[in-house]
């Protein structure tokens, strides 16, 4: 194997384009690994963890071409990079169809847009504010897919929108269903009477997918951004979204979904929800609350029998004492799993921790520094997506973490999520299933079993195919659930059944000197 690193100063392409280029070049005969990426701090950490030596003076305006060659020549590999970059930048050809140049600015596009058009903003977070404000001032609802948008920008947008009866979905709104059209990472679900308002993308996807599995459809899903129910924002967009669904004749029930909200904001929103005509089910994550049970409560109010949530594969015991390693692409799914785990195991360390003293540094995550704690990582957190595509599109960081967890003798069980739907990887199992099989084989070589538990969020109508994805993961040795809460509880059963002294020590550490649990 030989490594080659080339720096292209001043060259730029977006992260999704470069992901496609990297995948194509990695498929070239004789190329063992290929990473073509902008030289952001996170990408440089990733390249270093992969063993590539990038020049110290490289900066975020440079493109890095990192190649690990088996028997390909450098000339052929670089030619493959050039071809892939050229192909990625080439506009699609529409045979026989007349084409019209797209508007060059948001303002120009708004002048051509119908009055009820929803504006979708997906640009680097620092550039999202003026584009979104143009839409708000023109009287359009706007979905801000962009992450890393400053809090002060979000507040300005939502205050302006509140005075115009305009809905701001986001920032970092990953999922929405408006007028029967899925936006962002949206699952394909049947139409029906339940509306969803959510300060969570993957939380929305879990709820609508479980409803679909039970035969219940969705009228709309309005994301409001993960910070909307924070103390700073105060639920500004949540109130607008709830009012929209209250006025919608197609909606007879509403589910309000959120990762853990600010308590005083949750109380105020609950009071507001009681003033509406439409019944609102609160699915606000907190100790003792999970999205599956709240979805089941909605089904019961509709008079629908709660099904046995689907699962595939066979359970497996841990070899012995060890820690739980949760590797997530969905932030709300990670939050839900941590809340459930903390009740059983005590403190769980994370990059999105339940308490400040449980925080993990980004460098620890990307470098693979061993952590002697139960650990759950949200690979979709803003700090891990700067200059990179979301892990539901580019799972490179998580696959590397899975391999490291397999090599760590203190790992008792690995908990993963896989989220299907439009916008996500077209076939996540194609790369994750072999990675699971390899991780289990690595553990077996050292005489250990490595149980892998997966929560698979999707529907039968999703383009990836729910059954096909589940069967491929189960064939690789994973135990697959459609409920993230059920998957987490099973993983906890595996850890505790091992009678691990590590678990007991973790639980003891969660008790203060006064004997009160944190």
Protein backbone atom coordinates (compact mmCIF):
# COMPACT_ATOMS: atom_id res chain seq x y z
CA UNK A 1 0.00 0.00 0.00
CA UNK A 2 1.21 3.50 -0.79
CA UNK A 3 -0.33 6.79 0.32
CA UNK A 4 -0.47 9.95 -1.77
CA UNK A 5 -1.87 13.33 -0.69
CA UNK A 6 -2.43 16.20 -3.13
CA UNK A 7 -3.58 19.71 -2.14
CA UNK A 8 -5.64 21.84 -4.52
CA UNK A 9 -5.53 25.40 -3.23
CA UNK A 10 -8.62 27.50 -3.91
CA UNK A 11 -10.63 24.59 -5.34
CA UNK A 12 -14.12 24.09 -3.89
CA UNK A 13 -17.00 21.64 -4.12
CA UNK A 14 -19.78 20.96 -1.61
CA UNK A 15 -19.54 18.03 0.77
CA UNK A 16 -22.18 15.88 -0.95
CA UNK A 17 -20.43 16.26 -4.30
CA UNK A 18 -17.08 15.33 -2.78
CA UNK A 19 -18.65 12.34 -1.05
CA UNK A 20 -19.85 11.09 -4.44
CA UNK A 21 -16.39 11.71 -5.91
CA UNK A 22 -14.72 9.82 -3.04
CA UNK A 23 -17.03 6.83 -3.45
CA UNK A 24 -16.46 6.70 -7.20
CA UNK A 25 -12.67 6.93 -6.92
CA UNK A 26 -12.62 4.33 -4.11
CA UNK A 27 -14.33 1.95 -6.53
CA UNK A 28 -11.50 2.26 -9.04
CA UNK A 29 -9.55 -1.03 -9.40
CA UNK A 30 -6.39 -0.92 -7.34
CA UNK A 31 -7.52 1.97 -5.10
CA UNK A 32 -7.83 0.80 -1.47
CA UNK A 33 -9.13 4.08 -0.01
CA UNK A 34 -9.96 7.53 -1.35
CA UNK A 35 -11.00 10.70 0.46
CA UNK A 36 -11.58 13.89 -1.49
CA UNK A 37 -12.68 16.62 0.92
CA UNK A 38 -12.34 20.26 1.83
CA UNK A 39 -9.64 20.77 4.47
CA UNK A 40 -11.91 21.74 7.37
CA UNK A 41 -10.62 20.98 10.85
CA UNK A 42 -12.97 17.99 11.15
CA UNK A 43 -11.94 16.53 7.81
CA UNK A 44 -8.26 16.97 8.67
CA UNK A 45 -8.84 15.07 11.94
CA UNK A 46 -10.58 12.30 9.99
CA UNK A 47 -7.77 12.07 7.44
CA UNK A 48 -5.20 11.92 10.26
CA UNK A 49 -7.17 9.13 11.95
CA UNK A 50 -7.12 7.24 8.61
CA UNK A 51 -3.32 7.53 8.61
CA UNK A 52 -2.90 10.19 5.90
CA UNK A 53 -0.16 12.81 6.38
CA UNK A 54 -1.63 16.16 5.32
CA UNK A 55 0.72 19.19 5.12
CA UNK A 56 0.38 21.42 8.19
CA UNK A 57 -0.23 24.60 6.18
CA UNK A 58 -3.39 23.19 4.56
CA UNK A 59 -6.47 25.35 5.22
CA UNK A 60 -10.27 25.21 4.82
CA UNK A 61 -10.12 26.79 1.34
CA UNK A 62 -8.03 23.87 0.06
CA UNK A 63 -9.28 20.60 -1.38
CA UNK A 64 -7.44 17.49 -0.20
CA UNK A 65 -7.11 14.45 -2.45
CA UNK A 66 -5.96 11.53 -0.28
CA UNK A 67 -5.37 8.18 -1.97
CA UNK A 68 -4.26 4.81 -0.61
CA UNK A 69 -3.20 2.63 -3.53
CA UNK A 70 -2.88 -1.15 -3.65
CA UNK A 71 -1.83 -1.84 -7.24
CA UNK A 72 -3.20 1.16 -9.12
CA UNK A 73 -0.76 3.76 -10.46
CA UNK A 74 -0.91 7.28 -9.11
CA UNK A 75 -1.50 8.54 -12.64
CA UNK A 76 -4.57 6.32 -13.08
CA UNK A 77 -5.95 7.23 -9.65
CA UNK A 78 -5.58 10.97 -10.23
CA UNK A 79 -7.22 10.56 -13.64
CA UNK A 80 -10.15 8.89 -11.86
CA UNK A 81 -10.36 11.88 -9.51
CA UNK A 82 -10.42 14.32 -12.43
CA UNK A 83 -13.11 12.31 -14.23
CA UNK A 84 -15.27 12.05 -11.10
CA UNK A 85 -14.97 15.78 -10.35
CA UNK A 86 -15.88 16.66 -13.94
CA UNK A 87 -18.86 14.30 -13.93
CA UNK A 88 -20.12 15.63 -10.58
CA UNK A 89 -20.03 19.20 -11.87
CA UNK A 90 -21.80 18.45 -15.14
CA UNK A 91 -25.50 19.44 -15.29
CA UNK A 92 -27.94 16.61 -16.03
CA UNK A 93 -29.05 16.13 -19.63
CA UNK A 94 -32.79 16.01 -20.30
CA UNK A 95 -33.34 14.40 -23.68
CA UNK A 96 -35.82 16.28 -25.81
CA UNK A 97 -36.82 18.67 -23.02
CA UNK A 98 -36.52 22.42 -23.20
CA UNK A 99 -34.46 23.83 -20.36
CA UNK A 100 -34.73 27.19 -18.64
CA UNK A 101 -31.88 28.71 -16.69
CA UNK A 102 -32.73 28.69 -12.97
CA UNK A 103 -33.00 32.02 -11.12
CA UNK A 104 -29.61 33.28 -10.00
CA UNK A 105 -30.78 34.77 -6.69
CA UNK A 106 -33.36 34.00 -4.02
CA UNK A 107 -35.08 37.31 -4.69
CA UNK A 108 -35.49 36.41 -8.36
CA UNK A 109 -36.87 32.99 -7.47
CA UNK A 110 -39.35 34.54 -5.02
CA UNK A 111 -40.68 36.86 -7.72
CA UNK A 112 -41.56 33.80 -9.81
CA UNK A 113 -42.90 31.66 -6.95
CA UNK A 114 -46.64 31.18 -6.30
CA UNK A 115 -47.96 32.72 -3.11
CA UNK A 116 -48.24 29.45 -1.18
CA UNK A 117 -44.77 28.18 -2.14
CA UNK A 118 -42.52 26.87 0.65
CA UNK A 119 -38.93 28.08 0.34
CA UNK A 120 -36.25 25.50 1.10
CA UNK A 121 -32.88 26.92 2.18
CA UNK A 122 -29.90 24.57 2.10
CA UNK A 123 -26.67 26.56 2.10
CA UNK A 124 -23.76 26.78 4.57
CA UNK A 125 -25.15 27.94 7.90
CA UNK A 126 -23.33 31.27 7.88
CA UNK A 127 -25.10 32.19 4.62
CA UNK A 128 -28.61 30.96 5.47
CA UNK A 129 -29.95 34.04 7.26
CA UNK A 130 -30.29 36.51 4.35
CA UNK A 131 -31.84 33.87 2.08
CA UNK A 132 -34.38 32.83 4.72
CA UNK A 133 -35.19 36.44 5.66
CA UNK A 134 -35.92 37.24 2.00
CA UNK A 135 -38.51 34.45 2.04
CA UNK A 136 -40.04 35.56 5.35
CA UNK A 137 -40.33 39.17 4.21
CA UNK A 138 -41.99 37.99 1.00
CA UNK A 139 -44.61 36.16 3.12
CA UNK A 140 -43.45 32.60 2.42
CA UNK A 141 -43.05 29.72 4.82
CA UNK A 142 -39.41 28.63 4.84
CA UNK A 143 -37.67 25.38 5.70
CA UNK A 144 -34.02 25.90 6.70
CA UNK A 145 -32.22 22.59 6.17
CA UNK A 146 -28.88 24.27 6.95
CA UNK A 147 -27.20 23.60 10.28
CA UNK A 148 -24.62 25.73 12.11
CA UNK A 149 -26.93 28.78 11.89
CA UNK A 150 -26.24 31.24 14.75
CA UNK A 151 -28.87 31.41 17.48
CA UNK A 152 -29.31 35.16 17.05
CA UNK A 153 -30.14 34.63 13.37
CA UNK A 154 -32.79 32.05 14.29
CA UNK A 155 -34.36 34.42 16.79
CA UNK A 156 -34.47 37.28 14.27
CA UNK A 157 -36.10 35.06 11.66
CA UNK A 158 -38.73 33.64 13.98
CA UNK A 159 -39.63 36.99 15.50
CA UNK A 160 -40.07 38.43 12.02
CA UNK A 161 -42.13 35.40 10.97
CA UNK A 162 -44.41 35.65 14.02
CA UNK A 163 -45.50 39.11 12.91
CA UNK A 164 -46.37 37.88 9.43
CA UNK A 165 -48.08 34.56 10.26
CA UNK A 166 -45.22 32.79 8.49
CA UNK A 167 -43.75 29.47 9.61
CA UNK A 168 -39.98 29.09 9.93
CA UNK A 169 -39.07 25.40 9.94
CA UNK A 170 -35.54 25.14 11.29
CA UNK A 171 -32.69 25.91 11.27
CA UNK A 172 -31.37 22.36 11.08
CA UNK A 173 -34.83 21.12 10.08
CA UNK A 174 -34.07 17.75 8.56
CA UNK A 175 -37.59 16.50 7.87
CA UNK A 176 -40.97 17.89 6.86
CA UNK A 177 -44.12 16.75 5.05
CA UNK A 178 -46.10 19.61 3.54
CA UNK A 179 -49.00 19.24 1.13
CA UNK A 180 -48.22 15.56 0.70
CA UNK A 181 -44.63 16.31 -0.34
CA UNK A 182 -41.68 15.11 1.74
CA UNK A 183 -38.86 17.60 2.27
CA UNK A 184 -35.36 16.77 3.48
CA UNK A 185 -34.95 13.32 5.01
CA UNK A 186 -38.61 12.34 4.64
CA UNK A 187 -40.10 8.87 4.78
CA UNK A 188 -42.82 7.73 2.41
CA UNK A 189 -45.95 7.43 4.53
CA UNK A 190 -49.64 7.05 3.80
CA UNK A 191 -51.96 10.07 4.16
CA UNK A 192 -54.10 10.16 7.28
CA UNK A 193 -55.44 12.12 10.25
CA UNK A 194 -52.33 12.62 12.43
CA UNK A 195 -50.27 15.80 12.19
CA UNK A 196 -46.79 16.11 13.68
CA UNK A 197 -45.01 19.18 14.99
CA UNK A 198 -41.43 18.44 15.87
CA UNK A 199 -38.30 20.07 17.27
CA UNK A 200 -36.59 16.97 15.94
CA UNK A 201 -35.96 15.38 12.57
CA UNK A 202 -35.34 11.72 13.38
CA UNK A 203 -37.91 11.91 16.17
CA UNK A 204 -40.47 12.84 13.54
CA UNK A 205 -39.32 9.93 11.38
CA UNK A 206 -39.64 7.46 14.24
CA UNK A 207 -43.19 8.55 15.04
CA UNK A 208 -44.49 8.64 11.44
CA UNK A 209 -42.87 5.29 10.63
CA UNK A 210 -44.45 3.59 13.65
CA UNK A 211 -47.81 5.13 12.76
CA UNK A 212 -47.43 3.84 9.21
CA UNK A 213 -46.55 0.36 10.48
CA UNK A 214 -49.81 0.44 12.49
CA UNK A 215 -51.76 1.46 9.36
CA UNK A 216 -52.28 5.09 10.39
CA UNK A 217 -51.43 7.94 8.02
CA UNK A 218 -50.07 11.46 8.44
CA UNK A 219 -51.61 14.75 7.30
CA UNK A 220 -48.48 16.88 7.74
CA UNK A 221 -45.17 16.95 9.58
CA UNK A 222 -43.87 20.41 10.43
CA UNK A 223 -40.32 20.58 11.75
CA UNK A 224 -39.40 23.64 13.80
CA UNK A 225 -35.69 23.07 14.48
CA UNK A 226 -34.01 21.45 17.45
CA UNK A 227 -33.60 24.71 19.39
CA UNK A 228 -37.20 25.93 19.11
CA UNK A 229 -38.22 24.59 22.53
CA UNK A 230 -35.07 25.94 24.18
CA UNK A 231 -35.31 28.73 26.73
CA UNK A 232 -33.77 31.17 24.24
CA UNK A 233 -36.27 30.62 21.42
CA UNK A 234 -39.31 29.85 23.58
CA UNK A 235 -41.29 27.77 21.09
CA UNK A 236 -41.98 30.60 18.61
CA UNK A 237 -42.30 28.31 15.59
CA UNK A 238 -43.98 25.53 17.58
CA UNK A 239 -46.95 27.80 18.36
CA UNK A 240 -47.33 28.74 14.68
CA UNK A 241 -47.10 25.12 13.56
CA UNK A 242 -49.66 23.95 16.14
CA UNK A 243 -52.05 26.70 15.06
CA UNK A 244 -51.64 25.63 11.41
CA UNK A 245 -52.61 22.05 12.19
CA UNK A 246 -55.43 23.15 14.48
CA UNK A 247 -56.94 24.92 11.46
CA UNK A 248 -56.35 21.98 9.11
CA UNK A 249 -59.56 19.96 8.51
CA UNK A 250 -57.49 16.92 7.50
CA UNK A 251 -55.87 16.75 10.96
CA UNK A 252 -57.80 15.21 13.87
CA UNK A 253 -54.82 14.47 16.18
CA UNK A 254 -51.44 16.15 16.65
CA UNK A 255 -48.23 14.75 18.11
CA UNK A 256 -45.69 17.26 19.42
CA UNK A 257 -42.23 15.69 19.32
CA UNK A 258 -39.07 17.10 20.87
CA UNK A 259 -35.73 16.16 22.24
CA UNK A 260 -35.53 17.24 25.92
CA UNK A 261 -37.06 20.77 26.02
CA UNK A 262 -36.53 23.59 28.49
CA UNK A 263 -39.00 22.79 31.32
CA UNK A 264 -40.61 26.23 31.44
CA UNK A 265 -41.04 26.29 27.65
CA UNK A 266 -42.55 22.80 27.69
CA UNK A 267 -45.03 23.91 30.34
CA UNK A 268 -46.02 27.01 28.35
CA UNK A 269 -46.44 25.04 25.11
CA UNK A 270 -48.48 22.36 26.90
CA UNK A 271 -50.80 25.10 28.18
CA UNK A 272 -51.09 26.56 24.67
CA UNK A 273 -51.86 23.11 23.22
CA UNK A 274 -54.77 22.71 25.65
CA UNK A 275 -56.34 25.88 24.23
CA UNK A 276 -56.60 24.32 20.76
CA UNK A 277 -59.54 22.39 19.37
CA UNK A 278 -57.39 19.55 18.02
CA UNK A 279 -56.14 17.08 20.69
CA UNK A 280 -52.35 17.25 21.10
CA UNK A 281 -50.27 14.32 22.36
CA UNK A 282 -47.01 15.48 23.95
CA UNK A 283 -44.01 13.33 23.00
CA UNK A 284 -41.38 15.44 24.75
CA UNK A 285 -38.37 13.31 25.64
CA UNK A 286 -37.62 13.15 29.36
CA UNK A 287 -36.76 10.45 31.89
CA UNK A 288 -39.51 7.84 31.69
CA UNK A 289 -40.80 9.02 28.29
CA UNK A 290 -40.02 7.50 24.91
CA UNK A 291 -41.37 8.04 21.40
CA UNK A 292 -42.69 4.50 20.97
CA UNK A 293 -44.92 4.67 24.04
CA UNK A 294 -46.21 8.10 23.05
CA UNK A 295 -47.02 6.81 19.55
CA UNK A 296 -48.84 3.88 21.12
CA UNK A 297 -50.89 6.38 23.17
CA UNK A 298 -51.95 8.11 19.95
CA UNK A 299 -53.00 4.78 18.43
CA UNK A 300 -55.10 4.01 21.50
CA UNK A 301 -56.91 7.37 21.27
CA UNK A 302 -57.68 6.54 17.63
CA UNK A 303 -59.02 3.11 18.57
CA UNK A 304 -56.23 1.37 16.63
CA UNK A 305 -54.71 -1.82 18.01
CA UNK A 306 -51.03 -1.43 18.88
CA UNK A 307 -49.07 -3.95 16.79
CA UNK A 308 -46.00 -5.91 17.80
CA UNK A 309 -43.29 -3.70 16.36
CA UNK A 310 -41.30 -5.55 13.75
CA UNK A 311 -37.87 -7.01 14.34
CA UNK A 312 -35.41 -9.25 12.48
CA UNK A 313 -32.50 -11.47 13.47
CA UNK A 314 -31.61 -13.23 16.70
CA UNK A 315 -30.52 -11.90 20.10
CA UNK A 316 -27.02 -12.60 21.35
CA UNK A 317 -25.37 -12.40 24.76
CA UNK A 318 -22.27 -10.38 25.60
CA UNK A 319 -19.08 -12.29 26.34
CA UNK A 320 -18.63 -10.59 29.66
CA UNK A 321 -18.28 -7.25 31.44
CA UNK A 322 -18.20 -4.19 29.24
CA UNK A 323 -19.67 -0.88 28.19
CA UNK A 324 -22.53 0.13 25.92
CA UNK A 325 -21.40 1.94 22.75
CA UNK A 326 -24.16 3.84 20.95
CA UNK A 327 -23.25 5.18 17.49
CA UNK A 328 -26.10 7.29 16.09
CA UNK A 329 -26.88 9.37 13.01
CA UNK A 330 -30.08 10.73 14.61
CA UNK A 331 -29.71 13.21 17.47
CA UNK A 332 -33.15 12.61 18.96
CA UNK A 333 -32.72 8.86 18.71
CA UNK A 334 -29.43 9.28 20.57
CA UNK A 335 -31.14 11.43 23.23
CA UNK A 336 -33.91 8.87 23.66
CA UNK A 337 -31.40 6.04 24.05
CA UNK A 338 -29.34 8.00 26.58
CA UNK A 339 -32.39 8.79 28.72
CA UNK A 340 -33.38 5.12 28.78
CA UNK A 341 -29.81 3.99 29.45
CA UNK A 342 -29.18 6.49 32.25
CA UNK A 343 -32.07 5.01 34.24
CA UNK A 344 -30.39 1.60 34.11
CA UNK A 345 -26.65 2.19 33.80
CA UNK A 346 -26.11 5.59 35.35
CA UNK A 347 -24.01 8.23 33.55
CA UNK A 348 -23.65 7.96 29.78
CA UNK A 349 -20.96 10.10 28.16
CA UNK A 350 -21.74 11.83 24.87
CA UNK A 351 -21.04 14.74 22.54
CA UNK A 352 -24.68 15.77 23.22
CA UNK A 353 -24.65 14.95 26.94
CA UNK A 354 -27.54 14.95 29.37
CA UNK A 355 -25.30 16.85 31.81
CA UNK A 356 -22.24 19.05 31.16
CA UNK A 357 -19.86 16.84 33.14
CA UNK A 358 -20.60 13.94 30.76
CA UNK A 359 -19.46 15.77 27.61
CA UNK A 360 -17.07 14.15 25.13
CA UNK A 361 -14.77 16.34 23.06
CA UNK A 362 -15.03 16.11 19.26
CA UNK A 363 -11.33 15.25 19.05
CA UNK A 364 -11.86 12.21 21.28
CA UNK A 365 -14.57 10.99 18.92
CA UNK A 366 -12.67 11.44 15.66
CA UNK A 367 -9.35 10.13 17.03
CA UNK A 368 -10.86 7.05 18.64
CA UNK A 369 -9.33 7.69 22.05
CA UNK A 370 -10.55 4.87 24.35
CA UNK A 371 -13.27 5.95 26.79
CA UNK A 372 -13.86 3.86 29.91
CA UNK A 373 -17.54 4.78 30.15
CA UNK A 374 -20.86 3.97 28.59
CA UNK A 375 -20.89 6.19 25.53
CA UNK A 376 -23.36 7.42 22.90
CA UNK A 377 -22.32 9.57 19.97
CA UNK A 378 -24.51 11.68 17.70
CA UNK A 379 -22.58 11.82 14.43
CA UNK A 380 -25.14 14.28 13.07
CA UNK A 381 -24.29 16.96 15.65
CA UNK A 382 -23.27 20.32 14.16
CA UNK A 383 -19.68 19.97 15.35
CA UNK A 384 -19.28 16.77 13.32
CA UNK A 385 -20.88 18.04 10.11
CA UNK A 386 -18.79 21.17 9.42
CA UNK A 387 -17.54 20.66 5.87
CA UNK A 388 -19.06 17.17 5.75
CA UNK A 389 -22.36 15.75 4.58
CA UNK A 390 -24.78 14.55 7.27
CA UNK A 391 -24.02 10.95 8.37
CA UNK A 392 -27.34 9.80 6.88
CA UNK A 393 -25.58 10.59 3.57
CA UNK A 394 -21.92 10.07 4.49
CA UNK A 395 -21.46 7.41 7.22
CA UNK A 396 -17.64 7.37 7.05
CA UNK A 397 -17.03 8.61 10.62
CA UNK A 398 -19.49 6.17 12.14
CA UNK A 399 -18.10 3.16 10.26
CA UNK A 400 -14.64 4.01 11.59
CA UNK A 401 -16.06 4.25 15.12
CA UNK A 402 -17.75 0.86 14.73
CA UNK A 403 -14.42 -0.72 13.79
CA UNK A 404 -12.74 0.85 16.82
CA UNK A 405 -15.53 -0.34 19.13
CA UNK A 406 -15.04 -3.88 17.82
CA UNK A 407 -11.33 -3.75 18.63
CA UNK A 408 -11.96 -2.40 22.15
CA UNK A 409 -12.17 -5.32 24.60
CA UNK A 410 -14.30 -3.22 26.97
CA UNK A 411 -17.17 -2.99 24.45
CA UNK A 412 -20.05 -5.23 25.54
CA UNK A 413 -22.64 -4.25 22.93
CA UNK A 414 -22.96 -1.77 20.04
CA UNK A 415 -26.22 0.11 19.44
CA UNK A 416 -26.76 1.69 16.00
CA UNK A 417 -29.55 3.50 14.19
CA UNK A 418 -30.29 3.36 10.46
CA UNK A 419 -32.69 5.94 9.07
CA UNK A 420 -34.30 5.38 5.67
CA UNK A 421 -36.25 7.77 3.47
CA UNK A 422 -35.82 10.19 0.62
CA UNK A 423 -32.56 12.12 0.84
CA UNK A 424 -30.78 9.45 2.90
CA UNK A 425 -28.25 6.94 1.57
CA UNK A 426 -29.84 4.94 -1.28
CA UNK A 427 -28.68 1.64 0.25
CA UNK A 428 -27.20 2.07 3.75
CA UNK A 429 -27.02 -1.68 4.37
CA UNK A 430 -24.72 -2.09 1.38
CA UNK A 431 -21.88 -0.59 3.43
CA UNK A 432 -23.10 -1.00 7.01
CA UNK A 433 -23.91 -4.74 6.83
CA UNK A 434 -20.34 -5.66 5.73
CA UNK A 435 -19.00 -3.30 8.41
CA UNK A 436 -21.12 -5.06 11.06
CA UNK A 437 -19.95 -8.47 9.86
CA UNK A 438 -16.33 -7.33 9.88
CA UNK A 439 -16.67 -5.82 13.36
CA UNK A 440 -18.11 -9.04 14.71
CA UNK A 441 -15.33 -11.02 13.03
CA UNK A 442 -12.70 -8.74 14.59
CA UNK A 443 -14.17 -9.37 18.03
CA UNK A 444 -14.39 -13.12 17.38
CA UNK A 445 -10.68 -13.22 16.50
CA UNK A 446 -9.95 -12.08 20.05
CA UNK A 447 -12.36 -14.62 21.52
CA UNK A 448 -15.25 -12.23 22.14
CA UNK A 449 -18.84 -12.03 20.98
CA UNK A 450 -19.98 -8.58 19.81
CA UNK A 451 -23.76 -8.16 19.92
CA UNK A 452 -24.87 -5.44 17.49
CA UNK A 453 -28.36 -3.99 17.95
CA UNK A 454 -29.93 -1.77 15.27
CA UNK A 455 -32.96 0.52 15.30
CA UNK A 456 -34.16 0.72 11.69
CA UNK A 457 -36.40 3.73 11.05
CA UNK A 458 -38.35 3.44 7.81
CA UNK A 459 -41.46 2.26 5.98
CA UNK A 460 -42.24 -0.40 3.41
CA UNK A 461 -42.69 2.34 0.80
CA UNK A 462 -39.31 4.00 1.37
CA UNK A 463 -36.99 3.82 -1.65
CA UNK A 464 -34.39 1.73 0.21
CA UNK A 465 -36.92 -1.00 1.09
CA UNK A 466 -37.45 -1.67 4.80
CA UNK A 467 -37.40 -5.48 4.55
CA UNK A 468 -34.36 -5.58 2.26
CA UNK A 469 -32.36 -3.35 4.61
CA UNK A 470 -33.43 -5.28 7.70
CA UNK A 471 -32.67 -8.67 6.18
CA UNK A 472 -29.20 -7.59 5.04
CA UNK A 473 -28.33 -6.26 8.50
CA UNK A 474 -29.73 -9.36 10.21
CA UNK A 475 -27.73 -11.58 7.86
CA UNK A 476 -24.61 -9.73 9.01
CA UNK A 477 -25.45 -10.68 12.62
CA UNK A 478 -27.37 -7.61 13.83
CA UNK A 479 -30.59 -7.79 15.84
CA UNK A 480 -32.87 -5.26 14.13
CA UNK A 481 -35.83 -3.34 15.60
CA UNK A 482 -38.21 -0.77 14.12
CA UNK A 483 -38.57 0.87 17.55
CA UNK A 484 -35.54 2.73 18.84
CA UNK A 485 -36.82 2.42 22.41
CA UNK A 486 -37.18 -1.37 22.08
CA UNK A 487 -33.72 -1.64 20.51
CA UNK A 488 -32.21 0.38 23.36
CA UNK A 489 -33.94 -1.67 26.04
CA UNK A 490 -32.67 -4.86 24.45
CA UNK A 491 -29.11 -3.49 24.38
CA UNK A 492 -29.46 -2.58 28.06
CA UNK A 493 -30.65 -6.11 28.83
CA UNK A 494 -27.54 -7.50 27.13
CA UNK A 495 -25.22 -5.27 29.19
CA UNK A 496 -26.90 -5.92 32.53
CA UNK A 497 -27.30 -9.66 31.91
CA UNK A 498 -23.51 -9.93 31.74
CA UNK A 499 -23.41 -9.07 35.47
CA UNK A 500 -20.81 -6.49 34.63
CA UNK A 501 -18.87 -4.84 37.46
CA UNK A 502 -18.37 -1.96 35.03
CA UNK A 503 -22.14 -1.39 35.00
CA UNK A 504 -22.29 -1.41 38.79
CA UNK A 505 -19.45 1.11 39.03
CA UNK A 506 -21.16 3.38 36.51
CA UNK A 507 -24.44 3.23 38.39
CA UNK A 508 -22.72 4.00 41.70
CA UNK A 509 -21.02 7.02 40.12
CA UNK A 510 -24.40 8.53 39.32
CA UNK A 511 -25.31 8.92 43.00
CA UNK A 512 -24.29 12.11 44.77
CA UNK A 513 -22.81 12.29 48.25
CA UNK A 514 -26.27 12.96 49.65
CA UNK A 515 -27.54 9.74 48.10
CA UNK A 516 -29.69 11.50 45.49
CA UNK A 517 -29.43 10.42 41.88
CA UNK A 518 -28.40 13.17 39.47
